[in-house]
Amino acid sequence: MSRRGDLRMTRVSLRKRGLTLIEVLVVVSVIAILIGIAIPAVSAARSAMRRADCANNLRQIGLALHAYEAASGAFPTATSGPPSSRSFLVAVLPHLEHSSLYNAINFQVRLASVWEPNRTAMTTTLDVLLCPSDGADLAGWPSATNYAGNQGSGVQKYGFNGVFRGLEAVRIRDITDGTSQTAAVSEWVIGPQSPAIRDPLRSVFRTPTSLIEPDQLDLFAAACQAVDPIEAPVTVHPKGANWFFGEFGSCLYNHVLTPGEKSCLNQTAYQEGAWTSGSLHRAGVNLLFADGRVLFERSNVDPMVWRALASRNGGEVVNVP
């Protein structure tokens, strides 16, 4: 074959090996579809890992609570009362392998705010007390926590009927509903650093009227659900900002409203407020029970079931999934 013929065959072969515009578009479309499938899958996997890490933190807190109970015969009190009013989380620090931090705390001063006698201790951030799903800005309060102790179903109607009831320690035998049927610790998202930031999950709102009578608990709950996050007054008390202090909002929550609902003062009343659990996981929260196990509780849980899980001695029969 002549040289000219060889060149002609080469050109034909090159044309046959090339891609048409349609083929390129098909390949690009397939790649785009694969990326579209992969990104949500990777995001879901990361979300599941963060939720698992969060649940593991709660398990560690549960182990610490039971180690404390084994040593003292009861779970820690919600607060020690004056002068320090330390929280239950402070009480279990030695069982969380943070004895040095516990020993550094000056218990002769009130732990409601970070000030000089305890500044070093109270500006210590503990990973075990933070849920990786939250990602809150901790620049303003490094002693924030995503985990709060259950103080009950609603003070105004049920009193402090949770595992943490103020100055009185709860023993395992006091949990007559069963430790596997009673919530001990749940999670919430840390409050915003400025009242100007309005977040239905993070902010603490104020209802327009005071509804603090025992028979008004459901009225208050409905009023809290109905507040307009854009217009309602916002309190300066951020959720979870100071886990050293044993009080609602700092490291204690209640079951007035189901997970993911708003948190509200009852007009100006703190104790009769709704300090609601919540998370940035999908559709629910991790919940540590008094027996030490952790379950994921859906946000659409029945409100009466949710309140029953808060009670240590209400006599309710609850089918926990």
C-alpha atoms as a PDB file:
ATOM      1  CA  MET A   1       0.000   0.000   0.000  1.00  0.00           C
ATOM      2  CA  SER A   2       1.218   3.496  -0.825  1.00  0.00           C
ATOM      3  CA  ARG A   3       2.269   6.073   1.729  1.00  0.00           C
ATOM      4  CA  ARG A   4      -0.778   8.185   0.811  1.00  0.00           C
ATOM      5  CA  GLY A   5      -3.033   5.221   1.509  1.00  0.00           C
ATOM      6  CA  ASP A   6      -1.388   4.681   4.916  1.00  0.00           C
ATOM      7  CA  LEU A   7      -2.080   8.278   5.886  1.00  0.00           C
ATOM      8  CA  ARG A   8      -5.706   7.989   4.807  1.00  0.00           C
ATOM      9  CA  MET A   9      -6.204   4.880   6.945  1.00  0.00           C
ATOM     10  CA  THR A  10      -4.596   6.587   9.933  1.00  0.00           C
ATOM     11  CA  ARG A  11      -6.953   9.559   9.652  1.00  0.00           C
ATOM     12  CA  VAL A  12      -9.964   7.282   9.437  1.00  0.00           C
ATOM     13  CA  SER A  13      -8.794   5.362  12.522  1.00  0.00           C
ATOM     14  CA  LEU A  14      -8.319   8.564  14.491  1.00  0.00           C
ATOM     15  CA  ARG A  15     -11.806   9.712  13.584  1.00  0.00           C
ATOM     16  CA  LYS A  16     -13.261   6.393  14.720  1.00  0.00           C
ATOM     17  CA  ARG A  17     -11.520   6.563  18.097  1.00  0.00           C
ATOM     18  CA  GLY A  18     -12.850  10.068  18.919  1.00  0.00           C
ATOM     19  CA  LEU A  19     -15.963  10.824  21.045  1.00  0.00           C
ATOM     20  CA  THR A  20     -19.017  12.518  19.702  1.00  0.00           C
ATOM     21  CA  LEU A  21     -20.648  15.436  21.515  1.00  0.00           C
ATOM     22  CA  ILE A  22     -23.564  13.199  22.528  1.00  0.00           C
ATOM     23  CA  GLU A  23     -21.218  10.631  24.042  1.00  0.00           C
ATOM     24  CA  VAL A  24     -19.419  13.340  26.024  1.00  0.00           C
ATOM     25  CA  LEU A  25     -22.735  14.663  27.312  1.00  0.00           C
ATOM     26  CA  VAL A  26     -23.810  11.157  28.348  1.00  0.00           C
ATOM     27  CA  VAL A  27     -20.556  10.606  30.247  1.00  0.00           C
ATOM     28  CA  VAL A  28     -20.847  13.986  31.986  1.00  0.00           C
ATOM     29  CA  SER A  29     -24.465  13.223  32.918  1.00  0.00           C
ATOM     30  CA  VAL A  30     -23.521   9.850  34.371  1.00  0.00           C
ATOM     31  CA  ILE A  31     -20.733  11.434  36.414  1.00  0.00           C
ATOM     32  CA  ALA A  32     -23.120  14.125  37.667  1.00  0.00           C
ATOM     33  CA  ILE A  33     -25.654  11.489  38.689  1.00  0.00           C
ATOM     34  CA  LEU A  34     -22.990   9.494  40.542  1.00  0.00           C
ATOM     35  CA  ILE A  35     -21.824  12.617  42.362  1.00  0.00           C
ATOM     36  CA  GLY A  36     -25.421  13.470  43.218  1.00  0.00           C
ATOM     37  CA  ILE A  37     -25.853  10.019  44.731  1.00  0.00           C
ATOM     38  CA  ALA A  38     -22.501  10.002  46.511  1.00  0.00           C
ATOM     39  CA  ILE A  39     -22.702  13.400  48.245  1.00  0.00           C
ATOM     40  CA  PRO A  40     -25.928  12.690  50.199  1.00  0.00           C
ATOM     41  CA  ALA A  41     -24.614   9.232  51.068  1.00  0.00           C
ATOM     42  CA  VAL A  42     -21.360  10.673  52.415  1.00  0.00           C
ATOM     43  CA  SER A  43     -23.288  13.384  54.280  1.00  0.00           C
ATOM     44  CA  ALA A  44     -25.623  10.790  55.805  1.00  0.00           C
ATOM     45  CA  ALA A  45     -22.672   8.638  56.847  1.00  0.00           C
ATOM     46  CA  ARG A  46     -20.978  11.584  58.526  1.00  0.00           C
ATOM     47  CA  SER A  47     -24.226  12.522  60.261  1.00  0.00           C
ATOM     48  CA  ALA A  48     -24.622   8.950  61.513  1.00  0.00           C
ATOM     49  CA  MET A  49     -21.040   8.968  62.824  1.00  0.00           C
ATOM     50  CA  ARG A  50     -21.621  12.235  64.692  1.00  0.00           C
ATOM     51  CA  ARG A  51     -24.841  10.865  66.177  1.00  0.00           C
ATOM     52  CA  ALA A  52     -22.980   7.726  67.281  1.00  0.00           C
ATOM     53  CA  ASP A  53     -20.224   9.832  68.856  1.00  0.00           C
ATOM     54  CA  CYS A  54     -22.887  11.829  70.683  1.00  0.00           C
ATOM     55  CA  ALA A  55     -24.503   8.636  71.966  1.00  0.00           C
ATOM     56  CA  ASN A  56     -21.106   7.394  73.111  1.00  0.00           C
ATOM     57  CA  ASN A  57     -20.635  10.569  75.174  1.00  0.00           C
ATOM     58  CA  LEU A  58     -23.944   9.857  76.874  1.00  0.00           C
ATOM     59  CA  ARG A  59     -22.835   6.290  77.616  1.00  0.00           C
ATOM     60  CA  GLN A  60     -19.726   7.650  79.302  1.00  0.00           C
ATOM     61  CA  ILE A  61     -21.879   9.983  81.389  1.00  0.00           C
ATOM     62  CA  GLY A  62     -24.091   7.005  82.261  1.00  0.00           C
ATOM     63  CA  LEU A  63     -21.089   4.972  83.403  1.00  0.00           C
ATOM     64  CA  ALA A  64     -19.941   7.917  85.517  1.00  0.00           C
ATOM     65  CA  LEU A  65     -23.383   8.251  87.115  1.00  0.00           C
ATOM     66  CA  HIS A  66     -23.444   4.572  88.033  1.00  0.00           C
ATOM     67  CA  ALA A  67     -19.883   4.692  89.361  1.00  0.00           C
ATOM     68  CA  TYR A  68     -20.954   7.624  91.548  1.00  0.00           C
ATOM     69  CA  GLU A  69     -24.034   5.707  92.677  1.00  0.00           C
ATOM     70  CA  ALA A  70     -21.941   2.636  93.526  1.00  0.00           C
ATOM     71  CA  ALA A  71     -19.610   4.762  95.644  1.00  0.00           C
ATOM     72  CA  SER A  72     -22.213   6.899  97.429  1.00  0.00           C
ATOM     73  CA  GLY A  73     -25.434   4.878  97.330  1.00  0.00           C
ATOM     74  CA  ALA A  74     -27.353   7.407  95.214  1.00  0.00           C
ATOM     75  CA  PHE A  75     -27.114   9.408  92.041  1.00  0.00           C
ATOM     76  CA  PRO A  76     -25.700  12.925  92.517  1.00  0.00           C
ATOM     77  CA  THR A  77     -28.067  15.698  93.441  1.00  0.00           C
ATOM     78  CA  ALA A  78     -29.002  18.168  90.732  1.00  0.00           C
ATOM     79  CA  THR A  79     -27.266  20.868  92.747  1.00  0.00           C
ATOM     80  CA  SER A  80     -25.314  21.112  95.984  1.00  0.00           C
ATOM     81  CA  GLY A  81     -27.026  24.311  97.012  1.00  0.00           C
ATOM     82  CA  PRO A  82     -25.082  27.290  98.396  1.00  0.00           C
ATOM     83  CA  PRO A  83     -22.381  28.350  98.300  1.00  0.00           C
ATOM     84  CA  SER A  84     -21.331  26.718  95.005  1.00  0.00           C
ATOM     85  CA  SER A  85     -24.597  25.231  93.674  1.00  0.00           C
ATOM     86  CA  ARG A  86     -22.494  22.772  91.702  1.00  0.00           C
ATOM     87  CA  SER A  87     -24.168  20.611  89.079  1.00  0.00           C
ATOM     88  CA  PHE A  88     -24.488  16.844  88.832  1.00  0.00           C
ATOM     89  CA  LEU A  89     -21.929  16.948  86.010  1.00  0.00           C
ATOM     90  CA  VAL A  90     -19.383  18.504  88.347  1.00  0.00           C
ATOM     91  CA  ALA A  91     -20.107  15.791  90.899  1.00  0.00           C
ATOM     92  CA  VAL A  92     -19.233  13.002  88.450  1.00  0.00           C
ATOM     93  CA  LEU A  93     -16.045  14.592  87.072  1.00  0.00           C
ATOM     94  CA  PRO A  94     -13.780  12.164  88.971  1.00  0.00           C
ATOM     95  CA  HIS A  95     -15.665   9.279  87.339  1.00  0.00           C
ATOM     96  CA  LEU A  96     -15.177  10.875  83.916  1.00  0.00           C
ATOM     97  CA  GLU A  97     -11.401  10.766  84.507  1.00  0.00           C
ATOM     98  CA  HIS A  98     -11.249  14.471  85.309  1.00  0.00           C
ATOM     99  CA  SER A  99     -10.290  14.389  88.981  1.00  0.00           C
ATOM    100  CA  SER A 100      -7.717  17.141  88.488  1.00  0.00           C
ATOM    101  CA  LEU A 101     -10.392  19.501  87.156  1.00  0.00           C
ATOM    102  CA  TYR A 102     -12.699  18.615  90.041  1.00  0.00           C
ATOM    103  CA  ASN A 103      -9.924  19.278  92.567  1.00  0.00           C
ATOM    104  CA  ALA A 104      -9.196  22.652  90.948  1.00  0.00           C
ATOM    105  CA  ILE A 105     -12.716  23.973  91.627  1.00  0.00           C
ATOM    106  CA  ASN A 106     -13.229  26.355  94.542  1.00  0.00           C
ATOM    107  CA  PHE A 107     -16.558  25.204  95.990  1.00  0.00           C
ATOM    108  CA  GLN A 108     -16.735  28.142  98.382  1.00  0.00           C
ATOM    109  CA  VAL A 109     -17.940  30.456  95.632  1.00  0.00           C
ATOM    110  CA  ARG A 110     -21.043  30.358  93.466  1.00  0.00           C
ATOM    111  CA  LEU A 111     -20.584  28.652  90.099  1.00  0.00           C
ATOM    112  CA  ALA A 112     -23.363  30.539  88.350  1.00  0.00           C
ATOM    113  CA  SER A 113     -20.875  32.645  86.397  1.00  0.00           C
ATOM    114  CA  VAL A 114     -17.244  32.517  85.361  1.00  0.00           C
ATOM    115  CA  TRP A 115     -15.216  34.781  87.601  1.00  0.00           C
ATOM    116  CA  GLU A 116     -11.739  34.924  89.015  1.00  0.00           C
ATOM    117  CA  PRO A 117     -11.619  32.196  91.713  1.00  0.00           C
ATOM    118  CA  ASN A 118     -12.694  29.532  89.186  1.00  0.00           C
ATOM    119  CA  ARG A 119     -11.837  31.154  85.884  1.00  0.00           C
ATOM    120  CA  THR A 120      -9.218  28.571  84.923  1.00  0.00           C
ATOM    121  CA  ALA A 121     -11.411  25.592  85.795  1.00  0.00           C
ATOM    122  CA  MET A 122     -14.550  27.025  84.236  1.00  0.00           C
ATOM    123  CA  THR A 123     -12.898  27.850  80.931  1.00  0.00           C
ATOM    124  CA  THR A 124     -11.973  24.213  80.404  1.00  0.00           C
ATOM    125  CA  THR A 125     -13.732  22.571  77.471  1.00  0.00           C
ATOM    126  CA  LEU A 126     -14.482  18.844  77.778  1.00  0.00           C
ATOM    127  CA  ASP A 127     -15.148  16.922  74.571  1.00  0.00           C
ATOM    128  CA  VAL A 128     -17.227  14.347  76.442  1.00  0.00           C
ATOM    129  CA  LEU A 129     -19.775  17.088  77.177  1.00  0.00           C
ATOM    130  CA  LEU A 130     -20.079  18.290  73.584  1.00  0.00           C
ATOM    131  CA  CYS A 131     -22.014  16.697  70.731  1.00  0.00           C
ATOM    132  CA  PRO A 132     -20.093  16.925  67.429  1.00  0.00           C
ATOM    133  CA  SER A 133     -23.344  17.504  65.539  1.00  0.00           C
ATOM    134  CA  ASP A 134     -23.944  20.868  67.175  1.00  0.00           C
ATOM    135  CA  GLY A 135     -20.941  22.919  66.100  1.00  0.00           C
ATOM    136  CA  ALA A 136     -21.945  25.865  68.287  1.00  0.00           C
ATOM    137  CA  ASP A 137     -19.539  28.776  68.631  1.00  0.00           C
ATOM    138  CA  LEU A 138     -18.026  28.324  72.099  1.00  0.00           C
ATOM    139  CA  ALA A 139     -15.878  31.463  72.065  1.00  0.00           C
ATOM    140  CA  GLY A 140     -18.162  33.131  74.598  1.00  0.00           C
ATOM    141  CA  TRP A 141     -18.590  30.204  76.961  1.00  0.00           C
ATOM    142  CA  PRO A 142     -16.124  27.321  76.770  1.00  0.00           C
ATOM    143  CA  SER A 143     -17.897  25.622  79.695  1.00  0.00           C
ATOM    144  CA  ALA A 144     -20.982  24.892  77.563  1.00  0.00           C
ATOM    145  CA  THR A 145     -22.551  21.440  77.282  1.00  0.00           C
ATOM    146  CA  ASN A 146     -24.927  19.590  74.978  1.00  0.00           C
ATOM    147  CA  TYR A 147     -26.090  17.257  77.765  1.00  0.00           C
ATOM    148  CA  ALA A 148     -28.652  18.024  80.437  1.00  0.00           C
ATOM    149  CA  GLY A 149     -30.114  16.053  83.320  1.00  0.00           C
ATOM    150  CA  ASN A 150     -33.802  15.213  83.560  1.00  0.00           C
ATOM    151  CA  GLN A 151     -35.522  17.165  86.331  1.00  0.00           C
ATOM    152  CA  GLY A 152     -39.008  15.948  85.551  1.00  0.00           C
ATOM    153  CA  SER A 153     -42.230  16.281  83.617  1.00  0.00           C
ATOM    154  CA  GLY A 154     -42.992  19.872  84.602  1.00  0.00           C
ATOM    155  CA  VAL A 155     -42.452  21.455  88.007  1.00  0.00           C
ATOM    156  CA  GLN A 156     -45.744  23.275  88.334  1.00  0.00           C
ATOM    157  CA  LYS A 157     -47.799  20.088  88.040  1.00  0.00           C
ATOM    158  CA  TYR A 158     -45.466  17.202  88.916  1.00  0.00           C
ATOM    159  CA  GLY A 159     -42.749  18.766  91.068  1.00  0.00           C
ATOM    160  CA  PHE A 160     -39.163  17.598  90.617  1.00  0.00           C
ATOM    161  CA  ASN A 161     -40.084  14.053  89.628  1.00  0.00           C
ATOM    162  CA  GLY A 162     -37.030  13.283  87.509  1.00  0.00           C
ATOM    163  CA  VAL A 163     -33.738  11.589  88.333  1.00  0.00           C
ATOM    164  CA  PHE A 164     -32.285  14.943  89.431  1.00  0.00           C
ATOM    165  CA  ARG A 165     -34.595  16.652  91.906  1.00  0.00           C
ATOM    166  CA  GLY A 166     -32.706  19.550  93.406  1.00  0.00           C
ATOM    167  CA  LEU A 167     -31.021  19.054  96.762  1.00  0.00           C
ATOM    168  CA  GLU A 168     -32.361  15.536  97.318  1.00  0.00           C
ATOM    169  CA  ALA A 169     -30.408  12.591  95.970  1.00  0.00           C
ATOM    170  CA  VAL A 170     -32.301   9.888  94.104  1.00  0.00           C
ATOM    171  CA  ARG A 171     -31.434   6.264  94.818  1.00  0.00           C
ATOM    172  CA  ILE A 172     -32.048   3.465  92.382  1.00  0.00           C
ATOM    173  CA  ARG A 173     -34.792   2.092  94.616  1.00  0.00           C
ATOM    174  CA  ASP A 174     -36.522   5.489  94.396  1.00  0.00           C
ATOM    175  CA  ILE A 175     -36.994   4.967  90.654  1.00  0.00           C
ATOM    176  CA  THR A 176     -40.072   2.809  91.073  1.00  0.00           C
ATOM    177  CA  ASP A 177     -41.072   3.189  87.415  1.00  0.00           C
ATOM    178  CA  GLY A 178     -37.914   1.231  86.579  1.00  0.00           C
ATOM    179  CA  THR A 179     -34.497   2.484  85.529  1.00  0.00           C
ATOM    180  CA  SER A 180     -35.115   1.183  82.002  1.00  0.00           C
ATOM    181  CA  GLN A 181     -38.276   3.316  81.798  1.00  0.00           C
ATOM    182  CA  THR A 182     -36.879   6.569  83.190  1.00  0.00           C
ATOM    183  CA  ALA A 183     -34.839   9.189  81.340  1.00  0.00           C
ATOM    184  CA  ALA A 184     -31.675  10.411  83.041  1.00  0.00           C
ATOM    185  CA  VAL A 185     -29.855  12.661  80.556  1.00  0.00           C
ATOM    186  CA  SER A 186     -30.736  13.961  77.110  1.00  0.00           C
ATOM    187  CA  GLU A 187     -29.143  16.349  74.657  1.00  0.00           C
ATOM    188  CA  TRP A 188     -29.942  19.853  73.527  1.00  0.00           C
ATOM    189  CA  VAL A 189     -28.303  22.434  71.298  1.00  0.00           C
ATOM    190  CA  ILE A 190     -26.316  25.211  72.934  1.00  0.00           C
ATOM    191  CA  GLY A 191     -27.949  28.630  73.031  1.00  0.00           C
ATOM    192  CA  PRO A 192     -26.904  31.557  70.836  1.00  0.00           C
ATOM    193  CA  GLN A 193     -24.320  34.008  72.111  1.00  0.00           C
ATOM    194  CA  SER A 194     -26.579  37.018  71.605  1.00  0.00           C
ATOM    195  CA  PRO A 195     -30.281  37.554  72.305  1.00  0.00           C
ATOM    196  CA  ALA A 196     -30.420  39.267  68.922  1.00  0.00           C
ATOM    197  CA  ILE A 197     -30.014  35.832  67.346  1.00  0.00           C
ATOM    198  CA  ARG A 198     -33.389  34.124  67.202  1.00  0.00           C
ATOM    199  CA  ASP A 199     -33.285  30.381  66.733  1.00  0.00           C
ATOM    200  CA  PRO A 200     -36.359  28.205  67.448  1.00  0.00           C
ATOM    201  CA  LEU A 201     -34.116  25.367  68.624  1.00  0.00           C
ATOM    202  CA  ARG A 202     -31.458  27.324  70.543  1.00  0.00           C
ATOM    203  CA  SER A 203     -33.148  30.440  71.938  1.00  0.00           C
ATOM    204  CA  VAL A 204     -35.219  30.677  75.112  1.00  0.00           C
ATOM    205  CA  PHE A 205     -38.395  32.674  74.487  1.00  0.00           C
ATOM    206  CA  ARG A 206     -40.899  34.168  76.920  1.00  0.00           C
ATOM    207  CA  THR A 207     -44.608  33.486  76.804  1.00  0.00           C
ATOM    208  CA  PRO A 208     -46.924  36.527  76.919  1.00  0.00           C
ATOM    209  CA  THR A 209     -48.770  35.467  80.083  1.00  0.00           C
ATOM    210  CA  SER A 210     -47.943  33.616  83.282  1.00  0.00           C
ATOM    211  CA  LEU A 211     -49.490  30.124  83.453  1.00  0.00           C
ATOM    212  CA  ILE A 212     -47.927  28.607  86.554  1.00  0.00           C
ATOM    213  CA  GLU A 213     -50.863  26.866  88.229  1.00  0.00           C
ATOM    214  CA  PRO A 214     -50.800  23.024  88.243  1.00  0.00           C
ATOM    215  CA  ASP A 215     -53.794  22.775  85.917  1.00  0.00           C
ATOM    216  CA  GLN A 216     -52.234  25.260  83.480  1.00  0.00           C
ATOM    217  CA  LEU A 217     -49.247  23.160  82.385  1.00  0.00           C
ATOM    218  CA  ASP A 218     -50.809  22.164  79.070  1.00  0.00           C
ATOM    219  CA  LEU A 219     -51.937  25.751  78.464  1.00  0.00           C
ATOM    220  CA  PHE A 220     -48.382  26.928  79.004  1.00  0.00           C
ATOM    221  CA  ALA A 221     -47.007  24.205  76.727  1.00  0.00           C
ATOM    222  CA  ALA A 222     -49.370  25.316  73.976  1.00  0.00           C
ATOM    223  CA  ALA A 223     -48.433  28.963  74.547  1.00  0.00           C
ATOM    224  CA  CYS A 224     -44.746  28.103  74.199  1.00  0.00           C
ATOM    225  CA  GLN A 225     -45.380  26.190  70.977  1.00  0.00           C
ATOM    226  CA  ALA A 226     -47.309  29.175  69.631  1.00  0.00           C
ATOM    227  CA  VAL A 227     -44.734  31.918  70.274  1.00  0.00           C
ATOM    228  CA  ASP A 228     -43.475  33.649  67.170  1.00  0.00           C
ATOM    229  CA  PRO A 229     -39.669  33.284  67.036  1.00  0.00           C
ATOM    230  CA  ILE A 230     -39.463  36.593  65.162  1.00  0.00           C
ATOM    231  CA  GLU A 231     -41.615  38.663  67.517  1.00  0.00           C
ATOM    232  CA  ALA A 232     -41.564  36.963  70.944  1.00  0.00           C
ATOM    233  CA  PRO A 233     -39.271  38.316  73.666  1.00  0.00           C
ATOM    234  CA  VAL A 234     -36.021  36.374  73.973  1.00  0.00           C
ATOM    235  CA  THR A 235     -34.289  35.829  77.312  1.00  0.00           C
ATOM    236  CA  VAL A 236     -30.581  36.416  77.864  1.00  0.00           C
ATOM    237  CA  HIS A 237     -30.273  32.968  79.451  1.00  0.00           C
ATOM    238  CA  PRO A 238     -28.608  30.660  76.893  1.00  0.00           C
ATOM    239  CA  LYS A 239     -29.182  26.914  77.097  1.00  0.00           C
ATOM    240  CA  GLY A 240     -26.200  24.863  78.179  1.00  0.00           C
ATOM    241  CA  ALA A 241     -23.842  27.828  78.575  1.00  0.00           C
ATOM    242  CA  ASN A 242     -22.512  26.757  81.983  1.00  0.00           C
ATOM    243  CA  TRP A 243     -22.553  23.097  83.004  1.00  0.00           C
ATOM    244  CA  PHE A 244     -20.880  23.873  86.332  1.00  0.00           C
ATOM    245  CA  PHE A 245     -24.102  25.405  87.687  1.00  0.00           C
ATOM    246  CA  GLY A 246     -26.909  23.056  88.758  1.00  0.00           C
ATOM    247  CA  GLU A 247     -29.990  24.800  87.426  1.00  0.00           C
ATOM    248  CA  PHE A 248     -32.529  24.754  84.592  1.00  0.00           C
ATOM    249  CA  GLY A 249     -30.984  26.053  81.424  1.00  0.00           C
ATOM    250  CA  SER A 250     -27.423  25.398  82.537  1.00  0.00           C
ATOM    251  CA  CYS A 251     -27.443  21.602  82.656  1.00  0.00           C
ATOM    252  CA  LEU A 252     -30.999  20.602  83.579  1.00  0.00           C
ATOM    253  CA  TYR A 253     -33.954  20.132  81.246  1.00  0.00           C
ATOM    254  CA  ASN A 254     -37.548  18.910  81.515  1.00  0.00           C
ATOM    255  CA  HIS A 255     -40.174  17.065  79.491  1.00  0.00           C
ATOM    256  CA  VAL A 256     -42.841  19.751  79.272  1.00  0.00           C
ATOM    257  CA  LEU A 257     -42.457  19.673  75.483  1.00  0.00           C
ATOM    258  CA  THR A 258     -41.190  16.944  73.176  1.00  0.00           C
ATOM    259  CA  PRO A 259     -37.697  16.986  71.603  1.00  0.00           C
ATOM    260  CA  GLY A 260     -37.099  19.724  69.081  1.00  0.00           C
ATOM    261  CA  GLU A 261     -39.843  22.026  70.376  1.00  0.00           C
ATOM    262  CA  LYS A 262     -39.120  25.546  71.631  1.00  0.00           C
ATOM    263  CA  SER A 263     -37.823  26.452  75.093  1.00  0.00           C
ATOM    264  CA  CYS A 264     -39.677  29.155  77.026  1.00  0.00           C
ATOM    265  CA  LEU A 265     -39.842  30.927  80.330  1.00  0.00           C
ATOM    266  CA  ASN A 266     -43.343  30.904  81.777  1.00  0.00           C
ATOM    267  CA  GLN A 267     -43.653  34.676  81.361  1.00  0.00           C
ATOM    268  CA  THR A 268     -40.788  35.395  83.807  1.00  0.00           C
ATOM    269  CA  ALA A 269     -40.804  32.142  85.823  1.00  0.00           C
ATOM    270  CA  TYR A 270     -37.739  29.915  85.308  1.00  0.00           C
ATOM    271  CA  GLN A 271     -38.720  26.851  87.324  1.00  0.00           C
ATOM    272  CA  GLU A 272     -42.111  26.642  85.624  1.00  0.00           C
ATOM    273  CA  GLY A 273     -40.576  27.060  82.164  1.00  0.00           C
ATOM    274  CA  ALA A 274     -40.072  24.588  79.326  1.00  0.00           C
ATOM    275  CA  TRP A 275     -36.402  23.650  79.023  1.00  0.00           C
ATOM    276  CA  THR A 276     -36.612  21.407  76.010  1.00  0.00           C
ATOM    277  CA  SER A 277     -34.237  18.796  74.645  1.00  0.00           C
ATOM    278  CA  GLY A 278     -33.241  18.841  71.002  1.00  0.00           C
ATOM    279  CA  SER A 279     -30.453  18.093  68.567  1.00  0.00           C
ATOM    280  CA  LEU A 280     -29.217  18.617  65.034  1.00  0.00           C
ATOM    281  CA  HIS A 281     -29.578  14.908  64.319  1.00  0.00           C
ATOM    282  CA  ARG A 282     -32.370  13.951  62.017  1.00  0.00           C
ATOM    283  CA  ALA A 283     -35.786  13.721  63.691  1.00  0.00           C
ATOM    284  CA  GLY A 284     -34.870  13.041  67.295  1.00  0.00           C
ATOM    285  CA  VAL A 285     -32.450  13.014  70.223  1.00  0.00           C
ATOM    286  CA  ASN A 286     -30.193  10.561  71.992  1.00  0.00           C
ATOM    287  CA  LEU A 287     -31.589   9.707  75.414  1.00  0.00           C
ATOM    288  CA  LEU A 288     -29.686   8.148  78.314  1.00  0.00           C
ATOM    289  CA  PHE A 289     -31.882   6.062  80.607  1.00  0.00           C
ATOM    290  CA  ALA A 290     -31.271   5.553  84.295  1.00  0.00           C
ATOM    291  CA  ASP A 291     -30.078   1.988  83.657  1.00  0.00           C
ATOM    292  CA  GLY A 292     -27.224   3.310  81.499  1.00  0.00           C
ATOM    293  CA  ARG A 293     -28.481   2.439  78.027  1.00  0.00           C
ATOM    294  CA  VAL A 294     -28.841   5.011  75.258  1.00  0.00           C
ATOM    295  CA  LEU A 295     -31.685   5.058  72.731  1.00  0.00           C
ATOM    296  CA  PHE A 296     -32.613   7.433  69.938  1.00  0.00           C
ATOM    297  CA  GLU A 297     -35.996   8.956  70.710  1.00  0.00           C
ATOM    298  CA  ARG A 298     -37.996  10.381  67.815  1.00  0.00           C
ATOM    299  CA  SER A 299     -39.226  13.968  67.914  1.00  0.00           C
ATOM    300  CA  ASN A 300     -42.754  12.802  67.105  1.00  0.00           C
ATOM    301  CA  VAL A 301     -42.995  10.829  70.339  1.00  0.00           C
ATOM    302  CA  ASP A 302     -46.390  11.144  72.010  1.00  0.00           C
ATOM    303  CA  PRO A 303     -46.242  14.050  74.522  1.00  0.00           C
ATOM    304  CA  MET A 304     -47.758  11.964  77.305  1.00  0.00           C
ATOM    305  CA  VAL A 305     -45.246   9.173  76.696  1.00  0.00           C
ATOM    306  CA  TRP A 306     -42.442  11.738  76.768  1.00  0.00           C
ATOM    307  CA  ARG A 307     -43.634  13.091  80.117  1.00  0.00           C
ATOM    308  CA  ALA A 308     -44.003   9.568  81.462  1.00  0.00           C
ATOM    309  CA  LEU A 309     -40.376   8.852  80.564  1.00  0.00           C
ATOM    310  CA  ALA A 310     -39.383  11.822  82.733  1.00  0.00           C
ATOM    311  CA  SER A 311     -41.126  10.494  85.824  1.00  0.00           C
ATOM    312  CA  ARG A 312     -39.223   8.230  88.205  1.00  0.00           C
ATOM    313  CA  ASN A 313     -42.273   7.272  90.284  1.00  0.00           C
ATOM    314  CA  GLY A 314     -45.445   8.142  88.363  1.00  0.00           C
ATOM    315  CA  GLY A 315     -46.604   4.555  87.971  1.00  0.00           C
ATOM    316  CA  GLU A 316     -47.001   4.892  84.185  1.00  0.00           C
ATOM    317  CA  VAL A 317     -46.561   1.871  81.945  1.00  0.00           C
ATOM    318  CA  VAL A 318     -44.489   2.934  78.959  1.00  0.00           C
ATOM    319  CA  ASN A 319     -43.471   0.831  75.988  1.00  0.00           C
ATOM    320  CA  VAL A 320     -39.951   2.054  75.316  1.00  0.00           C
ATOM    321  CA  PRO A 321     -38.786   1.107  71.813  1.00  0.00           C
END
